[in-house]
Each structure stands twice: as structure tokens, then as C-alpha cells.
Protein backbone atom coordinates (compact mmCIF):
# COMPACT_ATOMS: atom_id res chain seq x y z
CA MET A 1 174.15 138.35 33.76
CA ASN A 2 171.40 135.83 32.64
CA SER A 3 169.40 134.12 35.37
CA PRO A 4 169.87 130.12 35.67
CA ALA A 5 166.30 129.79 33.98
CA GLU A 6 167.37 131.96 31.02
CA THR A 7 170.63 130.10 30.91
CA THR A 8 169.00 126.61 30.76
CA HIS A 9 166.40 128.04 28.26
CA GLN A 10 169.22 129.39 25.89
CA SER A 11 171.23 126.24 26.26
CA GLY A 12 168.25 124.11 25.28
CA GLU A 13 167.46 126.26 22.31
CA SER A 14 171.08 126.06 21.22
CA LEU A 15 171.05 122.34 21.58
CA SER A 16 168.04 121.84 19.50
CA THR A 17 169.34 124.38 16.92
CA ALA A 18 172.58 122.67 16.82
CA THR A 19 171.07 119.41 16.02
CA GLY A 20 168.84 121.03 13.52
CA GLY A 21 165.62 119.87 15.26
CA SER A 22 162.79 121.44 17.18
CA PRO A 23 162.72 121.61 20.89
CA ALA A 24 162.40 118.14 22.43
CA LEU A 25 158.82 116.89 23.27
CA PHE A 26 158.57 114.00 25.84
CA GLU A 27 155.52 111.91 25.54
CA GLU A 28 154.33 109.32 27.99
CA GLU A 29 155.10 105.88 26.68
CA ARG A 30 151.92 104.02 25.44
CA PRO A 31 151.16 100.81 27.61
CA SER A 32 151.88 97.55 25.88
CA LEU A 33 149.02 95.26 24.79
CA LEU A 34 149.92 92.98 27.78
CA ARG A 35 149.61 95.85 30.15
CA ARG A 36 146.44 97.17 28.82
CA ALA A 37 144.93 93.62 29.15
CA GLN A 38 146.16 93.50 32.68
CA ARG A 39 144.43 96.78 33.44
CA MET A 40 141.25 95.69 31.84
CA PHE A 41 141.12 92.29 33.66
CA HIS A 42 141.96 94.03 36.92
CA ALA A 43 139.21 96.47 36.61
CA GLN A 44 136.70 93.75 35.37
CA PRO A 45 137.42 90.72 37.26
CA THR A 46 134.38 88.83 35.74
CA LEU A 47 135.71 89.13 32.12
CA ILE A 48 137.93 86.08 32.32
CA PRO A 49 135.42 83.56 33.79
CA ALA A 50 132.60 85.05 31.36
CA LEU A 51 135.04 84.21 28.51
CA VAL A 52 135.99 80.87 29.81
CA LEU A 53 132.24 79.94 30.14
CA ALA A 54 131.39 81.25 26.65
CA LEU A 55 134.13 79.22 25.13
CA GLY A 56 133.16 76.14 27.10
CA ILE A 57 129.56 76.49 25.97
CA ALA A 58 130.59 76.93 22.34
CA GLY A 59 133.14 74.09 22.39
CA PHE A 60 130.86 71.46 23.90
CA SER A 61 128.00 72.63 21.56
CA LEU A 62 130.24 71.81 18.63
CA LYS A 63 131.39 68.56 20.11
CA VAL A 64 128.25 67.05 21.32
CA GLY A 65 125.65 68.91 19.11
CA GLY A 66 122.08 69.68 19.96
CA ARG A 67 121.91 67.52 22.98
CA PHE A 68 124.05 70.23 24.93
CA PHE A 69 121.57 72.98 23.95
CA ASP A 70 118.77 71.06 24.92
CA PRO A 71 116.67 73.26 27.56
CA TYR A 72 116.45 70.30 29.79
CA ASN A 73 120.22 69.87 29.86
CA PHE A 74 120.70 73.59 30.76
CA SER A 75 118.41 73.18 33.64
CA LEU A 76 120.13 70.02 34.71
CA ILE A 77 123.51 71.91 34.74
CA LEU A 78 121.77 74.54 36.90
CA GLN A 79 120.36 72.04 39.35
CA GLN A 80 123.98 70.46 39.59
CA VAL A 81 125.47 73.85 40.60
CA THR A 82 122.76 74.98 42.86
CA ILE A 83 124.52 73.98 46.17
CA ILE A 84 127.89 74.86 44.95
CA GLY A 85 126.86 78.35 43.87
CA THR A 86 124.86 78.97 47.02
CA ILE A 87 127.73 77.88 49.36
CA GLY A 88 130.03 79.74 47.06
CA VAL A 89 128.31 83.07 47.94
CA GLY A 90 129.36 82.66 51.47
CA GLN A 91 132.80 81.42 50.54
CA THR A 92 133.23 84.65 48.42
CA LEU A 93 132.50 86.81 51.40
CA ILE A 94 135.25 85.12 53.30
CA VAL A 95 137.67 85.11 50.46
CA LEU A 96 137.12 88.91 49.78
CA THR A 97 138.30 89.61 53.40
CA ALA A 98 141.55 87.50 52.59
CA GLY A 99 140.34 84.51 54.63
CA ILE A 100 139.12 81.02 53.56
CA ASP A 101 136.57 78.76 55.16
CA LEU A 102 136.99 74.98 54.77
CA SER A 103 134.13 74.26 57.19
CA VAL A 104 131.37 75.34 54.91
CA GLY A 105 130.32 71.93 53.70
CA ALA A 106 130.38 70.65 57.45
CA ILE A 107 128.09 73.44 58.53
CA MET A 108 125.68 72.79 55.64
CA VAL A 109 125.39 69.04 56.37
CA ILE A 110 124.98 69.42 60.17
CA THR A 111 122.31 72.07 59.67
CA SER A 112 120.37 69.88 57.32
CA VAL A 113 120.62 67.01 59.89
CA ILE A 114 119.35 69.23 62.63
CA MET A 115 116.41 70.38 60.53
CA GLY A 116 115.64 66.78 59.59
CA ARG A 117 115.89 65.23 63.06
CA PHE A 118 114.14 68.09 64.77
CA ALA A 119 111.20 67.92 62.28
CA VAL A 120 110.93 64.15 61.56
CA ASP A 121 112.37 62.37 64.53
CA PHE A 122 111.49 64.81 67.41
CA GLY A 123 108.09 66.03 65.94
CA ILE A 124 109.17 69.63 66.28
CA PRO A 125 107.07 71.87 63.83
CA VAL A 126 109.00 72.40 60.63
CA TYR A 127 109.29 76.05 60.68
CA LEU A 128 110.77 75.76 64.16
CA ALA A 129 113.07 73.04 63.05
CA MET A 130 114.33 75.23 60.17
CA ALA A 131 114.85 78.13 62.58
CA CYS A 132 116.97 75.87 64.65
CA GLY A 133 118.99 74.96 61.65
CA LEU A 134 119.69 78.53 60.70
CA LEU A 135 120.54 79.29 64.40
CA ALA A 136 123.11 76.50 64.33
CA GLY A 137 124.62 77.99 61.14
CA THR A 138 124.79 81.37 62.68
CA VAL A 139 126.70 79.93 65.82
CA ALA A 140 128.99 77.98 63.77
CA GLY A 141 129.88 80.97 61.63
CA ALA A 142 130.25 83.03 64.79
CA ILE A 143 132.65 80.46 66.33
CA ASN A 144 134.82 80.75 63.11
CA GLY A 145 134.76 84.48 63.08
CA VAL A 146 135.56 84.95 66.73
CA LEU A 147 138.66 82.54 66.67
CA VAL A 148 139.82 84.11 63.44
CA THR A 149 139.22 87.72 64.54
CA LEU A 150 139.65 88.04 68.29
CA PHE A 151 142.26 85.22 68.78
CA ARG A 152 144.10 86.25 65.56
CA MET A 153 144.34 82.56 64.44
CA PRO A 154 144.84 81.79 60.64
CA PRO A 155 141.62 81.14 58.84
CA PHE A 156 142.97 78.12 57.27
CA ILE A 157 143.84 76.57 60.43
CA VAL A 158 140.66 77.60 62.23
CA THR A 159 138.22 76.34 59.74
CA LEU A 160 140.26 73.04 59.18
CA GLY A 161 139.77 72.38 62.90
CA THR A 162 136.08 73.41 62.97
CA TRP A 163 135.48 71.40 59.73
CA SER A 164 136.50 68.17 61.54
CA ILE A 165 134.64 69.15 64.87
CA PHE A 166 131.36 70.05 62.91
CA LEU A 167 131.63 66.69 60.95
CA SER A 168 132.07 64.68 64.24
CA MET A 169 129.02 66.53 65.66
CA ASP A 170 127.14 65.75 62.51
CA LEU A 171 127.70 61.99 62.76
CA TYR A 172 127.12 61.92 66.57
CA PHE A 173 123.87 63.93 66.22
CA SER A 174 122.52 61.93 63.31
CA GLU A 175 123.65 58.58 64.83
CA SER A 176 125.13 58.05 61.22
CA LYS A 177 121.67 57.32 60.09
CA THR A 178 119.81 58.52 57.09
CA ILE A 179 116.21 59.84 57.32
CA ARG A 180 114.38 58.33 54.26
CA SER A 181 112.67 60.37 51.60
CA GLN A 182 109.40 58.71 52.39
CA ASP A 183 109.59 59.82 56.09
CA VAL A 184 110.62 63.49 55.24
CA GLU A 185 107.74 63.73 52.70
CA ALA A 186 105.14 62.25 55.28
CA VAL A 187 106.13 64.58 58.21
CA ALA A 188 107.91 67.57 56.70
CA PRO A 189 107.40 68.10 53.06
CA LEU A 190 108.51 71.70 53.20
CA LEU A 191 112.15 70.44 53.69
CA GLN A 192 111.89 68.99 50.22
CA TRP A 193 110.33 71.90 48.61
CA LEU A 194 113.51 73.55 47.21
CA GLY A 195 114.19 70.40 45.26
CA THR A 196 110.82 70.49 43.32
CA PRO A 197 111.13 71.11 39.65
CA PHE A 198 108.77 73.05 37.40
CA ASN A 199 108.28 73.35 33.84
CA LEU A 200 109.81 76.42 31.91
CA TYR A 201 109.70 76.07 28.03
CA GLY A 202 110.96 72.74 28.30
CA ALA A 203 113.54 73.21 30.97
CA ARG A 204 112.99 71.75 34.51
CA PRO A 205 114.75 74.02 37.00
CA THR A 206 113.97 73.61 40.74
CA TYR A 207 112.95 76.25 43.17
CA GLY A 208 116.31 75.82 44.88
CA SER A 209 117.97 77.11 41.66
CA VAL A 210 115.74 79.95 41.61
CA ALA A 211 116.60 80.84 45.16
CA MET A 212 120.20 80.57 44.26
CA ILE A 213 119.92 83.12 41.50
CA LEU A 214 118.11 85.38 43.86
CA LEU A 215 120.68 84.99 46.48
CA PHE A 216 123.27 86.16 43.99
CA VAL A 217 121.35 89.17 43.04
CA LEU A 218 120.92 90.02 46.64
CA PHE A 219 124.56 89.85 47.40
CA TRP A 220 125.48 91.60 44.28
CA TYR A 221 123.56 94.53 45.64
CA ILE A 222 125.12 94.40 48.95
CA LEU A 223 128.63 94.13 47.73
CA ASN A 224 128.35 96.69 45.07
CA LEU A 225 125.82 99.27 46.34
CA THR A 226 126.08 99.38 50.09
CA ALA A 227 128.58 100.74 52.59
CA TYR A 228 128.92 97.30 54.13
CA GLY A 229 130.04 95.87 50.77
CA ARG A 230 132.62 98.51 50.30
CA ARG A 231 133.98 98.00 53.89
CA ILE A 232 134.38 94.14 52.98
CA TYR A 233 136.52 94.99 49.88
CA ALA A 234 138.43 97.50 52.12
CA VAL A 235 139.26 95.06 54.73
CA GLY A 236 140.30 92.45 52.49
CA ASP A 237 142.56 94.86 50.42
CA ASP A 238 144.36 96.31 53.59
CA GLU A 239 142.96 95.50 56.91
CA GLU A 240 145.23 97.87 58.76
CA ALA A 241 144.58 100.82 56.34
CA ALA A 242 140.85 100.14 56.80
CA ARG A 243 141.15 100.20 60.45
CA LEU A 244 143.00 103.62 60.30
CA ALA A 245 140.19 104.86 58.13
CA GLY A 246 137.63 104.16 60.86
CA ILE A 247 136.23 100.86 59.83
CA ARG A 248 135.54 98.35 62.64
CA THR A 249 137.42 95.53 60.95
CA ASN A 250 136.65 93.02 63.66
CA ARG A 251 133.08 93.60 63.36
CA ILE A 252 133.31 93.21 59.56
CA LEU A 253 135.16 90.09 59.69
CA ILE A 254 132.93 88.43 62.38
CA SER A 255 129.90 89.47 60.40
CA ALA A 256 131.18 87.96 57.29
CA TYR A 257 131.70 84.56 58.85
CA ILE A 258 128.16 84.68 60.58
CA ILE A 259 126.61 85.53 57.22
CA SER A 260 128.49 82.81 55.63
CA GLY A 261 127.32 80.46 58.21
CA VAL A 262 123.59 81.47 57.74
CA ILE A 263 124.07 80.89 53.98
CA CYS A 264 125.36 77.43 54.69
CA ALA A 265 122.38 76.64 56.75
CA PHE A 266 120.07 77.66 53.85
CA GLY A 267 122.36 75.49 51.61
CA GLY A 268 121.42 72.72 54.22
CA TRP A 269 117.84 73.18 53.23
CA GLN A 270 118.58 72.93 49.43
CA LEU A 271 120.69 69.83 50.11
CA ILE A 272 117.65 68.13 51.60
CA GLY A 273 115.66 69.17 48.54
CA ARG A 274 118.36 68.08 46.05
CA VAL A 275 118.73 64.57 47.55
CA GLN A 276 115.11 64.45 49.03
CA SER A 277 116.37 62.81 52.14
CA VAL A 278 118.42 63.78 55.30
CA THR A 279 121.89 62.16 55.27
CA PRO A 280 125.16 62.97 57.11
CA LEU A 281 127.08 61.63 54.27
CA ALA A 282 126.11 64.01 51.58
CA GLY A 283 128.01 67.16 50.44
CA GLY A 284 131.31 65.88 51.45
CA THR A 285 133.25 67.93 48.92
CA THR A 286 131.14 71.08 49.00
CA ASN A 287 134.04 73.03 50.85
CA LEU A 288 136.38 72.33 47.96
CA ASP A 289 133.79 72.87 45.22
CA SER A 290 132.84 76.29 46.56
CA ILE A 291 136.50 77.38 46.77
CA THR A 292 136.81 76.26 43.12
CA ALA A 293 133.80 78.19 42.02
CA VAL A 294 135.26 81.26 43.86
CA VAL A 295 138.87 80.82 42.48
CA ILE A 296 137.76 80.15 38.94
CA GLY A 297 135.42 83.08 39.17
CA GLY A 298 138.18 85.46 39.48
CA THR A 299 138.08 86.22 43.18
CA SER A 300 141.71 86.76 44.59
CA LEU A 301 142.67 84.50 47.16
CA PHE A 302 144.69 87.56 48.71
CA GLY A 303 141.44 89.41 49.28
CA GLY A 304 140.18 92.82 48.33
CA ARG A 305 139.42 91.98 44.53
CA GLY A 306 136.70 89.96 42.93
CA SER A 307 132.93 89.75 42.11
CA ILE A 308 130.01 87.73 43.38
CA ILE A 309 128.86 87.44 39.74
CA GLY A 310 132.28 85.83 39.02
CA THR A 311 131.53 83.21 41.55
CA LEU A 312 128.28 82.41 39.55
CA PHE A 313 130.20 82.12 36.39
CA GLY A 314 132.70 79.73 38.25
CA ALA A 315 130.07 77.46 39.30
CA LEU A 316 128.50 77.38 36.08
CA ILE A 317 131.95 76.65 34.41
CA VAL A 318 132.33 73.67 36.59
CA GLY A 319 128.79 72.41 35.86
CA VAL A 320 129.24 73.21 32.10
CA PHE A 321 132.50 71.25 31.75
CA ARG A 322 131.53 68.21 33.84
CA ASN A 323 128.17 68.01 31.95
CA GLY A 324 129.88 68.57 28.52
CA LEU A 325 132.59 65.91 29.22
CA VAL A 326 129.89 63.46 30.27
CA LEU A 327 127.95 64.02 27.13
CA ALA A 328 131.13 63.73 25.07
CA GLY A 329 131.67 60.20 26.71
CA ALA A 330 134.74 61.15 28.62
CA ASP A 331 135.92 59.26 31.69
CA VAL A 332 135.12 60.75 35.18
CA LEU A 333 138.78 61.22 35.74
CA TRP A 334 138.97 63.71 32.95
CA GLN A 335 136.40 65.73 34.49
CA GLU A 336 138.43 66.08 37.68
CA PHE A 337 141.54 66.58 35.55
CA THR A 338 139.92 69.47 33.74
CA ILE A 339 138.61 71.25 36.85
CA GLY A 340 142.09 70.93 38.45
CA VAL A 341 143.78 72.64 35.24
CA LEU A 342 141.17 75.28 35.43
CA ILE A 343 141.99 76.09 39.15
CA ILE A 344 145.73 76.39 38.44
CA VAL A 345 145.26 78.50 35.34
CA ALA A 346 142.80 80.86 37.45
CA VAL A 347 145.33 81.26 40.31
CA GLY A 348 148.05 81.66 37.88
CA ILE A 349 146.16 84.54 36.18
CA ASP A 350 145.45 86.09 39.50
CA GLN A 351 149.18 86.05 40.45
CA TRP A 352 149.96 87.56 36.88
CA ILE A 353 147.46 90.31 37.49
CA ARG A 354 148.83 91.22 40.91
CA ARG A 355 152.37 91.03 39.82
CA ILE A 356 152.05 93.43 36.94
CA SER A 357 149.80 95.62 39.13
CA ALA A 358 152.54 96.16 41.71
């Protein structure tokens, strides 16, 4: 009597012989082009913003000609996105943890006011005034982090509330007054230093732009080559799984908000350099602009996937499209229309990648 295995083997041979063919071979189905593209974009989230940036530069260079490629114009774009890019670094940390921070612009403005008033109006040494601004940013970030983490409140609601609180404190502390450029220059010129341009082969970048690029390099290293960076991604991808793996998720989340607050305070220093004065009315849309740079840069709003370099590309995309449309003579409304379309497309691509990945 044959064993079941032998019977199955003989039956398979008989079937293949009866059909006049060789034994059946089952091969794994090759993934479709769409599936392969999805896998590539999932593995390299910066590819899409890099492609959009390249197409934007190519398109506007054809539309407006040599003016767009002028070195001074490129440095102007870099100046325009310096603050957005800097605040975008902090926003990226929050979004990677599956959160969002609507208060970043308010933190930036109130820290700039603290630096300016302490140094110019109160006569405190400028280094101490800047330290107070950094401390205020740290405290503001810690408040957000504690409310989100320990009280388990939604990041959107928490930061929407603190955005309103910080703006109110900003207007109260500044007395709704602007400290003039001449007064800042006379008492605390260091506050304006990051806005100082220098010549570079016809371009006129500022020290603030250089500082932004160095900040991106630093956080690229942190997020890609340190254990802390891997924990940020792990918490954003699945907080409960990260906790079970031994990661102190509360500590990681609070630290992300604190670091973001410190970066916002640094952005406050950049803001003073950019406008050359201290005003409580500057940077009103920075919170939305930073989210725009992060989203267009390919970082998922659901957390756990994205790249800090993508945020730099996202900020540059915003700058390139706004600058190119101005040079092309387009109305301001078309600038905002284009940015809105880019945001919707970026979120749609993120949803597409997540849906096919599931």
C-alpha cells in the first residue's frame, strides 16, 4: 500500500502526464509598476518632493528665463524660507511622533519679544536676554508635551489652545508695540546678526540661512544615526509597540515638544534678524507654513514615516513656487492657490502609499 505522500506524488505525475505537460511550477507574481512605485516611495519618502522641486525649478526657468537662475534670486528664495525651514525642523519632530503643533509660530514670536524687550527696554545683557528667550521656548514646549503626554489630550486641541494663550501673552508682554530697528541696532546688534547678508559668488545669503542648513544637517544626523532618532520613528509608528519594546514613550514625546520649543526660540532670533526689529505682529502664518513644508516634504501626518531632508525640500518648494509665480507676473492669489493644491496632492499621495502598503 502506498503512503499518502507517494499517492499524491503519483497523482501529480499522472495529472501532468495526462495533460501532456511537465510538473506544474508556481512562480510568485511580479509586482505591478504601481506597486513597485509605491514601494520605492515608501522606502525613500524624499523622492517625491525632490522630483517636485526639480520640476518646479525647470518649469520656472523655462517660463521666466535667466532671471530665475540668477544667484541673487536663489539666495533670495533661501532667505524667504529660512524661518519656515527652521520652524519646520521642530514641526517634523512632532509630526513624526504622530502629533501636530499649532503653537510653533506663537512660541517663536513671544520668544523674540522676550529677547528684544529684555535687551533693549530693560537693559539686560544681550546674551542673558537670548538665554531667557531660549528658556521661554523650552518652557512653552514642555507645557505642550506634558499636556499631550501625561494628560493624554489630543495634540491638535492642546496646541490650538496654547497657540491662543501664547499669542495673548505676546501682546500683553509687548504692550502691542514694536521695537524699532534703530533701537535694536543701537543696544543689541547681536539680535540682528542672523539677518546680515554676505556675498557668495553673486548670491547674498544671510547667516540665518546658513544656520538653518546647519540645523537640518544636525537633525538629519540625530534622526538617522542615533538611538534617539530611531525611538522617535518607533513611537510615531506604533506607540504601544514601542512601549512594550522598552522605549520610554512619554519621555520621548515630551522631549520632542521641548526640542521643538527650543528650535522655535532660535527661530525667534532669526525673526528679529529677518525683519531687523522686534514686533509682536510678525510670523502670523508660521505655524501653517511649517506644517505645509512638512507635509509637502513627504512626512506622514500619521507619524512614523518621513525625512528631515524632505522638510527642507518642502520649504524650498514653497519658496520656489512663490518666487517663480511672482517673476512670472502671477497674482498673489495664484501663489496661495498653488500651495493649497500642493498640500492636497501631498496628503493624497501619503494616503495612497499607506493604503497600498496595508
